[in-house]
Amino acid sequence: MKITYVSPSTFKQTGFTVAEKMIQPITEAYTAESVGVITRILTEELKLEREGTADPDRSRIIDLESYRKDGSTFWIGLSVSFLRDKNGAAIGLIGVSRDITERKKTEEEMQKFAAVVKHSSELVNLSTLDGRMIFLNESGGKMLGIEPHEVENVNIMEVIPNHLIGLVEKELLPALIKGRTWKGDLQYRNMKTGKLTNVHAMTFTVKDPDTGEPQFLVNVSLDITERKQAEEALKQQNLFLNDILKSLTHPFFVIDAHDYTVKMANSAAGFNLPLKNETCHSITHKSDKPCQGREHQCPLEIVKKTKKSTVVEHLHFDENGNRRIIEISGYPIIDKTGNVIQMIEYCFDITERKQAEEELKKNMKQLERFNKVAVDRELRMIEMKREINDLLEKAGLEKKYSIQNMKK
């Protein structure tokens, strides 16, 4: 192939002079892959010429990777057609090229993006403003039960369950029309099975670059079924825990180890619930400082120091101002790093038990005194009997009393 003309702009584009370009072999002008493309297309076009059935004014646009003089490559878009004589016979080729390197880079990035979208685990959907789908990736197709050839026949509203149509029409779509992004939890209906899938959706519009008006609707949705199941399980667990707390007949607290605020309390605690950043000492002692001193040892401080459970006794007053003795058990809640972050506190009113213990001590002392008096009296009686026996023995008479285990 002999080159008969090269534009002077080739120097700026490739670094080769016109003279150098005129004698440059095609294998040195383009990469091997592009040479193969040229050969294939030229073969196709010459065949069409021989058959005489093709449009004589036709042209082909080819993307080719070309060499610069410094050995680097760049992409050109070559528009090529036959140069003909006055009889219409092909006598040569004429081509016009332009640098399309940036376009090719963009296309490569788009291909990478398309591959990511295609194989993404999230649903990715592109729709017209009236809701007709024009693209749905594989994950979306599986979630919605839509085959690739069915996509363009589906409107996005068809996969929205009835109970959410109002939300979509009154909140989601108006936000998109105003050019805003909408994020929130939705459910989609599988068109084959009817199964509902919980998703977190992010929807936005693609605007026309010329007019700035919304042109397409984009929806990216993450399947949050497992998260919803975990949330429901946690909800049920919390309800179960609350039922347990309500059933406890004694005050129960969960206290923050850092600021002494009560994070949880049951109804038996006798305070207005829910609590608002109230501390354990302000609730139980009406004090703005944590408990201290021998009579009111702070169980939380002990637990934080030892990282073990503890039991202390505090003096509280009931709503009538009566003195009550409370036994407080504290149990540490320790995080992964080994630090106490919260304490479970369980309280028992042991006033009656303490009173019973004091009464028992008093009775025991009285019993001891009575027993001592009784024992002393018994010993005196024995001693008197012994003395009488001694006198009788001295008088030569028979002993009157039988005394066992007694020493004279």
Protein backbone atom coordinates (compact mmCIF):
# COMPACT_ATOMS: atom_id res chain seq x y z
CA MET A 1 0.00 0.00 0.00
CA LYS A 2 1.58 3.24 -1.22
CA ILE A 3 0.77 6.51 0.56
CA THR A 4 0.40 9.48 -1.81
CA TYR A 5 -0.59 12.25 0.63
CA VAL A 6 -0.26 12.98 4.35
CA SER A 7 -1.57 16.08 6.11
CA PRO A 8 1.06 18.31 7.77
CA SER A 9 -0.90 17.93 11.06
CA THR A 10 0.56 14.41 11.32
CA PHE A 11 3.71 15.87 12.86
CA LYS A 12 1.78 17.35 15.78
CA GLN A 13 -0.18 14.15 16.17
CA THR A 14 2.61 11.57 15.84
CA GLY A 15 5.97 13.36 15.90
CA PHE A 16 6.76 12.02 12.41
CA THR A 17 7.37 14.45 9.53
CA VAL A 18 5.27 14.22 6.41
CA ALA A 19 8.24 12.73 4.55
CA GLU A 20 8.75 10.09 7.23
CA LYS A 21 5.09 9.24 7.27
CA MET A 22 4.93 8.87 3.48
CA ILE A 23 7.45 6.02 3.48
CA GLN A 24 6.48 4.42 6.79
CA PRO A 25 5.29 0.80 6.49
CA ILE A 26 1.84 0.14 7.88
CA THR A 27 3.29 -2.36 10.36
CA GLU A 28 5.34 0.46 11.90
CA ALA A 29 2.48 2.94 11.93
CA TYR A 30 0.01 0.78 13.90
CA THR A 31 0.07 -1.92 16.52
CA ALA A 32 -0.16 -5.53 15.37
CA GLU A 33 -3.75 -5.78 16.53
CA SER A 34 -4.75 -2.67 14.57
CA VAL A 35 -2.88 -3.94 11.46
CA GLY A 36 -5.02 -7.05 11.71
CA VAL A 37 -8.17 -4.89 11.87
CA ILE A 38 -7.08 -2.92 8.79
CA THR A 39 -6.34 -6.11 6.86
CA ARG A 40 -9.68 -7.66 7.75
CA ILE A 41 -11.75 -4.59 6.86
CA LEU A 42 -9.84 -3.97 3.61
CA THR A 43 -10.45 -7.60 2.62
CA GLU A 44 -14.18 -7.20 3.33
CA GLU A 45 -14.41 -3.98 1.33
CA LEU A 46 -12.51 -5.33 -1.69
CA LYS A 47 -14.85 -8.31 -1.74
CA LEU A 48 -17.84 -5.95 -1.79
CA GLU A 49 -16.21 -4.06 -4.66
CA ARG A 50 -15.82 -7.21 -6.68
CA GLU A 51 -19.45 -8.14 -6.07
CA GLY A 52 -20.56 -4.67 -7.10
CA THR A 53 -23.56 -4.64 -4.75
CA ALA A 54 -22.37 -2.17 -2.11
CA ASP A 55 -23.01 1.58 -1.96
CA PRO A 56 -20.09 3.23 -3.78
CA ASP A 57 -20.29 6.23 -1.44
CA ARG A 58 -20.01 4.13 1.69
CA SER A 59 -17.35 4.75 4.34
CA ARG A 60 -16.04 2.87 7.36
CA ILE A 61 -15.04 4.29 10.70
CA ILE A 62 -12.29 2.33 12.39
CA ASP A 63 -10.68 2.72 15.80
CA LEU A 64 -6.94 2.11 15.51
CA GLU A 65 -4.02 2.23 17.92
CA SER A 66 -1.22 4.19 16.32
CA TYR A 67 2.47 4.68 17.18
CA ARG A 68 4.10 8.01 17.93
CA LYS A 69 7.72 8.60 17.06
CA ASP A 70 8.73 8.23 20.72
CA GLY A 71 7.27 4.70 20.76
CA SER A 72 4.15 5.55 22.73
CA THR A 73 0.72 4.79 21.35
CA PHE A 74 -2.51 6.71 20.99
CA TRP A 75 -5.94 6.02 19.53
CA ILE A 76 -7.32 7.49 16.34
CA GLY A 77 -10.74 7.30 14.79
CA LEU A 78 -10.19 6.80 11.06
CA SER A 79 -13.01 7.50 8.63
CA VAL A 80 -12.03 5.80 5.39
CA SER A 81 -13.70 5.50 1.96
CA PHE A 82 -12.68 4.60 -1.60
CA LEU A 83 -11.22 7.19 -3.94
CA ARG A 84 -12.81 6.62 -7.38
CA ASP A 85 -12.10 7.61 -10.95
CA LYS A 86 -14.65 9.20 -13.28
CA ASN A 87 -16.04 5.78 -14.05
CA GLY A 88 -16.60 4.97 -10.36
CA ALA A 89 -13.83 2.43 -10.14
CA ALA A 90 -11.92 2.29 -6.87
CA ILE A 91 -8.38 3.57 -7.41
CA GLY A 92 -7.32 4.32 -3.84
CA LEU A 93 -8.36 5.06 -0.27
CA ILE A 94 -8.87 8.38 1.44
CA GLY A 95 -8.93 8.65 5.19
CA VAL A 96 -9.48 11.35 7.79
CA SER A 97 -8.34 10.69 11.34
CA ARG A 98 -8.76 12.36 14.71
CA ASP A 99 -7.29 11.66 18.10
CA ILE A 100 -9.80 9.67 20.19
CA THR A 101 -7.47 8.66 23.04
CA GLU A 102 -9.55 10.40 25.70
CA ARG A 103 -12.71 8.86 24.30
CA LYS A 104 -11.15 5.39 24.44
CA LYS A 105 -10.04 5.96 28.02
CA THR A 106 -13.56 7.02 28.88
CA GLU A 107 -14.97 3.96 27.13
CA GLU A 108 -12.57 1.70 29.04
CA GLU A 109 -13.64 3.27 32.31
CA MET A 110 -17.27 2.89 31.30
CA GLN A 111 -16.66 -0.75 30.46
CA LYS A 112 -15.09 -1.29 33.85
CA PHE A 113 -18.01 0.51 35.48
CA ALA A 114 -20.48 -1.51 33.43
CA ALA A 115 -18.76 -4.73 34.53
CA VAL A 116 -18.93 -3.62 38.15
CA VAL A 117 -22.61 -2.72 37.78
CA LYS A 118 -23.37 -5.95 35.95
CA HIS A 119 -21.81 -8.14 38.61
CA SER A 120 -22.68 -5.96 41.59
CA SER A 121 -24.59 -7.67 44.40
CA GLU A 122 -26.81 -4.59 44.57
CA LEU A 123 -29.78 -3.96 42.30
CA VAL A 124 -28.94 -1.27 39.73
CA ASN A 125 -31.76 0.02 37.55
CA LEU A 126 -32.11 2.80 34.95
CA SER A 127 -35.60 3.95 33.97
CA THR A 128 -37.29 6.64 31.93
CA LEU A 129 -39.08 9.43 33.78
CA ASP A 130 -42.40 7.60 33.38
CA GLY A 131 -40.90 4.53 35.09
CA ARG A 132 -40.20 2.25 32.10
CA MET A 133 -37.07 0.19 32.76
CA ILE A 134 -34.30 0.43 30.20
CA PHE A 135 -31.55 -1.32 32.20
CA LEU A 136 -31.48 -3.82 35.06
CA ASN A 137 -28.35 -5.66 36.19
CA GLU A 138 -28.13 -9.38 36.96
CA SER A 139 -28.66 -9.02 40.71
CA GLY A 140 -31.70 -6.85 40.07
CA GLY A 141 -33.11 -9.35 37.61
CA LYS A 142 -32.81 -12.18 40.14
CA MET A 143 -34.33 -10.10 42.92
CA LEU A 144 -37.29 -8.95 40.81
CA GLY A 145 -37.78 -12.12 38.75
CA ILE A 146 -37.23 -10.28 35.45
CA GLU A 147 -35.35 -11.85 32.52
CA PRO A 148 -32.99 -9.62 30.46
CA HIS A 149 -35.34 -9.63 27.43
CA GLU A 150 -38.26 -8.58 29.65
CA VAL A 151 -36.64 -5.51 31.21
CA GLU A 152 -37.92 -2.88 28.76
CA ASN A 153 -41.49 -4.15 29.11
CA VAL A 154 -41.59 -3.54 32.87
CA ASN A 155 -42.53 -0.36 34.74
CA ILE A 156 -40.86 0.17 38.08
CA MET A 157 -44.25 0.57 39.79
CA GLU A 158 -45.05 -3.07 38.94
CA VAL A 159 -42.50 -4.29 41.50
CA ILE A 160 -43.71 -1.98 44.29
CA PRO A 161 -46.12 -3.75 46.69
CA ASN A 162 -49.50 -2.09 47.20
CA HIS A 163 -48.78 -0.92 50.75
CA LEU A 164 -45.78 1.12 49.54
CA ILE A 165 -47.24 2.69 46.39
CA GLY A 166 -48.43 5.71 48.38
CA LEU A 167 -44.91 6.29 49.74
CA VAL A 168 -43.38 6.06 46.27
CA GLU A 169 -45.95 8.37 44.66
CA LYS A 170 -46.10 10.97 47.43
CA GLU A 171 -42.51 11.04 48.65
CA LEU A 172 -39.99 9.29 46.39
CA LEU A 173 -41.05 10.41 42.92
CA PRO A 174 -41.70 14.08 43.87
CA ALA A 175 -38.20 14.25 45.37
CA LEU A 176 -36.68 12.93 42.13
CA ILE A 177 -38.67 15.32 39.96
CA LYS A 178 -37.26 18.18 42.03
CA GLY A 179 -33.75 16.89 41.37
CA ARG A 180 -33.13 15.58 44.86
CA THR A 181 -31.78 12.19 45.95
CA TRP A 182 -34.13 9.93 47.93
CA LYS A 183 -32.84 7.33 50.36
CA GLY A 184 -34.91 4.95 52.43
CA ASP A 185 -36.09 1.40 53.10
CA LEU A 186 -38.49 -0.20 50.62
CA GLN A 187 -39.74 -3.60 49.58
CA TYR A 188 -39.78 -5.03 46.04
CA ARG A 189 -42.06 -7.77 44.76
CA ASN A 190 -40.61 -10.60 42.70
CA MET A 191 -42.78 -10.73 39.58
CA LYS A 192 -42.49 -14.50 39.31
CA THR A 193 -42.86 -15.65 42.90
CA GLY A 194 -44.48 -12.68 44.62
CA LYS A 195 -41.78 -12.81 47.30
CA LEU A 196 -41.07 -9.48 49.00
CA THR A 197 -37.46 -8.38 49.47
CA ASN A 198 -36.45 -5.71 51.98
CA VAL A 199 -34.04 -3.17 50.46
CA HIS A 200 -32.37 0.11 51.27
CA ALA A 201 -32.78 2.22 48.14
CA MET A 202 -30.90 5.24 46.86
CA THR A 203 -32.61 6.90 43.90
CA PHE A 204 -31.59 9.93 41.88
CA THR A 205 -31.94 11.42 38.39
CA VAL A 206 -29.53 11.73 35.48
CA LYS A 207 -29.89 15.16 33.93
CA ASP A 208 -29.71 16.17 30.29
CA PRO A 209 -26.28 17.88 29.89
CA ASP A 210 -27.73 20.46 27.53
CA THR A 211 -30.96 21.42 29.30
CA GLY A 212 -30.24 20.37 32.87
CA GLU A 213 -33.65 18.70 33.02
CA PRO A 214 -34.10 15.19 34.54
CA GLN A 215 -33.70 12.59 31.81
CA PHE A 216 -33.49 9.20 33.55
CA LEU A 217 -34.21 7.70 36.97
CA VAL A 218 -31.44 5.69 38.64
CA ASN A 219 -32.07 3.26 41.47
CA VAL A 220 -29.38 1.45 43.48
CA SER A 221 -30.85 -0.89 46.10
CA LEU A 222 -29.14 -3.10 48.68
CA ASP A 223 -30.85 -6.27 49.90
CA ILE A 224 -31.24 -5.78 53.66
CA THR A 225 -33.26 -8.91 54.37
CA GLU A 226 -30.68 -10.23 56.82
CA ARG A 227 -30.45 -6.84 58.52
CA LYS A 228 -34.23 -6.68 58.88
CA GLN A 229 -34.28 -10.21 60.28
CA ALA A 230 -31.56 -9.25 62.76
CA GLU A 231 -33.51 -6.11 63.72
CA GLU A 232 -36.66 -8.16 64.25
CA ALA A 233 -34.76 -10.72 66.31
CA LEU A 234 -33.27 -7.90 68.38
CA LYS A 235 -36.71 -6.35 68.80
CA GLN A 236 -38.13 -9.66 70.03
CA GLN A 237 -35.14 -10.12 72.31
CA ASN A 238 -35.68 -6.64 73.77
CA LEU A 239 -39.37 -7.35 74.30
CA PHE A 240 -38.46 -10.60 76.04
CA LEU A 241 -35.89 -8.78 78.18
CA ASN A 242 -38.42 -6.09 79.08
CA ASP A 243 -40.94 -8.77 80.07
CA ILE A 244 -38.31 -10.31 82.33
CA LEU A 245 -37.49 -6.94 83.86
CA LYS A 246 -41.16 -6.20 84.48
CA SER A 247 -41.53 -9.54 86.24
CA LEU A 248 -38.73 -8.75 88.69
CA THR A 249 -40.21 -7.68 92.02
CA HIS A 250 -37.12 -5.79 93.15
CA PRO A 251 -35.46 -2.68 91.67
CA PHE A 252 -33.17 -3.40 88.72
CA PHE A 253 -30.84 -0.89 87.02
CA VAL A 254 -28.23 -0.81 84.25
CA ILE A 255 -25.77 2.00 85.02
CA ASP A 256 -23.18 3.62 82.73
CA ALA A 257 -19.72 3.15 84.21
CA HIS A 258 -18.44 6.52 82.99
CA ASP A 259 -21.10 9.02 84.00
CA TYR A 260 -23.34 7.03 86.42
CA THR A 261 -26.43 7.58 84.26
CA VAL A 262 -29.16 4.97 84.47
CA LYS A 263 -29.57 3.38 81.04
CA MET A 264 -32.34 1.00 82.03
CA ALA A 265 -34.63 0.46 85.00
CA ASN A 266 -37.67 -1.67 85.71
CA SER A 267 -41.00 -0.53 87.11
CA ALA A 268 -40.13 -1.97 90.53
CA ALA A 269 -37.50 0.76 90.83
CA GLY A 270 -40.41 3.08 91.57
CA PHE A 271 -39.28 5.97 89.36
CA ASN A 272 -40.87 7.71 86.44
CA LEU A 273 -39.83 5.94 83.24
CA PRO A 274 -38.22 6.52 80.80
CA LEU A 275 -35.30 8.17 82.53
CA LYS A 276 -33.55 11.17 80.99
CA ASN A 277 -29.83 11.21 81.76
CA GLU A 278 -30.49 10.75 85.47
CA THR A 279 -27.72 9.30 87.64
CA CYS A 280 -28.05 6.47 90.10
CA HIS A 281 -27.03 8.68 93.03
CA SER A 282 -29.50 11.44 92.11
CA ILE A 283 -32.32 8.89 91.95
CA THR A 284 -31.61 6.88 95.08
CA HIS A 285 -29.95 9.49 97.30
CA LYS A 286 -31.06 12.81 95.82
CA SER A 287 -27.38 13.66 95.59
CA ASP A 288 -25.37 15.31 92.84
CA LYS A 289 -22.29 13.27 93.79
CA PRO A 290 -21.62 9.51 93.71
CA CYS A 291 -21.94 7.56 96.96
CA GLN A 292 -18.89 7.46 99.26
CA GLY A 293 -17.85 6.62 102.81
CA ARG A 294 -18.18 3.43 104.85
CA GLU A 295 -21.97 3.64 105.17
CA HIS A 296 -22.51 4.26 101.48
CA GLN A 297 -19.78 2.52 99.53
CA CYS A 298 -20.25 3.00 95.78
CA PRO A 299 -20.76 -0.45 94.22
CA LEU A 300 -19.85 0.89 90.79
CA GLU A 301 -16.45 2.12 91.96
CA ILE A 302 -15.77 -1.28 93.55
CA VAL A 303 -16.82 -3.12 90.38
CA LYS A 304 -14.71 -0.84 88.16
CA LYS A 305 -11.69 -1.42 90.38
CA THR A 306 -12.03 -5.18 90.87
CA LYS A 307 -13.96 -6.09 87.69
CA LYS A 308 -15.88 -8.51 89.91
CA SER A 309 -19.35 -8.55 91.41
CA THR A 310 -19.89 -6.99 94.81
CA VAL A 311 -22.55 -6.58 97.52
CA VAL A 312 -22.93 -3.47 99.70
CA GLU A 313 -25.57 -2.10 102.07
CA HIS A 314 -27.01 1.39 101.77
CA LEU A 315 -29.39 3.43 103.88
CA HIS A 316 -32.31 4.74 101.81
CA PHE A 317 -35.54 6.49 102.71
CA ASP A 318 -38.92 5.56 101.30
CA GLU A 319 -41.57 7.98 100.01
CA ASN A 320 -42.81 8.46 103.59
CA GLY A 321 -39.37 9.27 104.92
CA ASN A 322 -38.97 5.95 106.67
CA ARG A 323 -35.47 4.53 107.06
CA ARG A 324 -34.87 1.48 104.87
CA ILE A 325 -31.80 -0.74 104.61
CA ILE A 326 -31.04 -1.81 101.05
CA GLU A 327 -28.71 -4.58 99.93
CA ILE A 328 -27.20 -3.69 96.55
CA SER A 329 -25.62 -6.30 94.27
CA GLY A 330 -23.46 -5.01 91.43
CA TYR A 331 -22.40 -7.09 88.40
CA PRO A 332 -19.88 -5.78 85.81
CA ILE A 333 -20.48 -5.63 82.05
CA ILE A 334 -17.04 -5.79 80.42
CA ASP A 335 -16.18 -4.90 76.80
CA LYS A 336 -13.76 -6.72 74.49
CA THR A 337 -10.81 -4.68 75.77
CA GLY A 338 -11.47 -5.74 79.36
CA ASN A 339 -12.92 -2.44 80.57
CA VAL A 340 -16.07 -2.14 82.68
CA ILE A 341 -18.55 -0.15 80.59
CA GLN A 342 -21.76 -0.74 82.54
CA MET A 343 -22.97 -2.31 85.78
CA ILE A 344 -26.12 -4.27 86.49
CA GLU A 345 -27.51 -3.29 89.88
CA TYR A 346 -30.11 -5.33 91.72
CA CYS A 347 -31.57 -4.10 95.02
CA PHE A 348 -33.21 -5.89 97.94
CA ASP A 349 -34.97 -4.17 100.83
CA ILE A 350 -33.53 -6.05 103.80
CA THR A 351 -34.96 -3.79 106.52
CA GLU A 352 -37.24 -6.51 107.94
CA ARG A 353 -34.43 -9.05 107.77
CA LYS A 354 -32.10 -6.70 109.61
CA GLN A 355 -34.76 -6.01 112.22
CA ALA A 356 -35.30 -9.74 112.63
CA GLU A 357 -31.55 -10.24 113.01
CA GLU A 358 -31.40 -7.54 115.72
CA GLU A 359 -34.38 -9.07 117.54
CA LEU A 360 -32.74 -12.48 117.34
CA LYS A 361 -29.51 -11.09 118.80
CA LYS A 362 -31.49 -9.51 121.67
CA ASN A 363 -33.33 -12.76 122.39
CA MET A 364 -30.08 -14.72 122.28
CA LYS A 365 -28.55 -12.43 124.88
CA GLN A 366 -31.60 -12.80 127.13
CA LEU A 367 -31.47 -16.55 126.71
CA GLU A 368 -27.79 -16.57 127.59
CA ARG A 369 -28.50 -14.55 130.77
CA PHE A 370 -31.40 -16.84 131.73
CA ASN A 371 -29.34 -19.90 131.04
CA LYS A 372 -26.48 -18.56 133.17
CA VAL A 373 -28.87 -17.87 136.06
CA ALA A 374 -30.40 -21.35 135.73
CA VAL A 375 -27.04 -23.05 135.58
CA ASP A 376 -25.74 -21.09 138.58
CA ARG A 377 -28.89 -22.03 140.58
CA GLU A 378 -28.49 -25.68 139.64
CA LEU A 379 -24.87 -25.66 140.71
CA ARG A 380 -25.77 -24.03 144.04
CA MET A 381 -28.45 -26.69 144.69
CA ILE A 382 -25.96 -29.47 144.01
CA GLU A 383 -23.42 -27.86 146.31
CA MET A 384 -26.03 -27.59 149.09
CA LYS A 385 -26.99 -31.28 148.67
CA ARG A 386 -23.35 -32.24 148.85
CA GLU A 387 -22.91 -30.26 152.10
CA ILE A 388 -25.99 -31.95 153.64
CA ASN A 389 -24.67 -35.39 152.68
CA ASP A 390 -21.33 -34.52 154.30
CA LEU A 391 -23.04 -33.50 157.57
CA LEU A 392 -25.16 -36.67 157.60
CA GLU A 393 -22.06 -38.78 157.00
CA LYS A 394 -20.26 -37.09 159.90
CA ALA A 395 -23.29 -37.76 162.12
CA GLY A 396 -23.11 -41.43 161.20
CA LEU A 397 -26.31 -41.25 159.26
CA GLU A 398 -27.12 -42.42 155.74
CA LYS A 399 -26.69 -39.91 152.92
CA LYS A 400 -29.99 -38.44 151.73
CA TYR A 401 -29.07 -37.29 148.21
CA SER A 402 -27.58 -39.18 145.32
CA ILE A 403 -25.19 -36.81 143.55
CA GLN A 404 -23.60 -37.96 140.30
CA ASN A 405 -20.49 -36.62 138.59
CA MET A 406 -19.76 -34.35 141.53
CA LYS A 407 -16.40 -34.10 143.21
CA LYS A 408 -16.18 -33.39 146.93
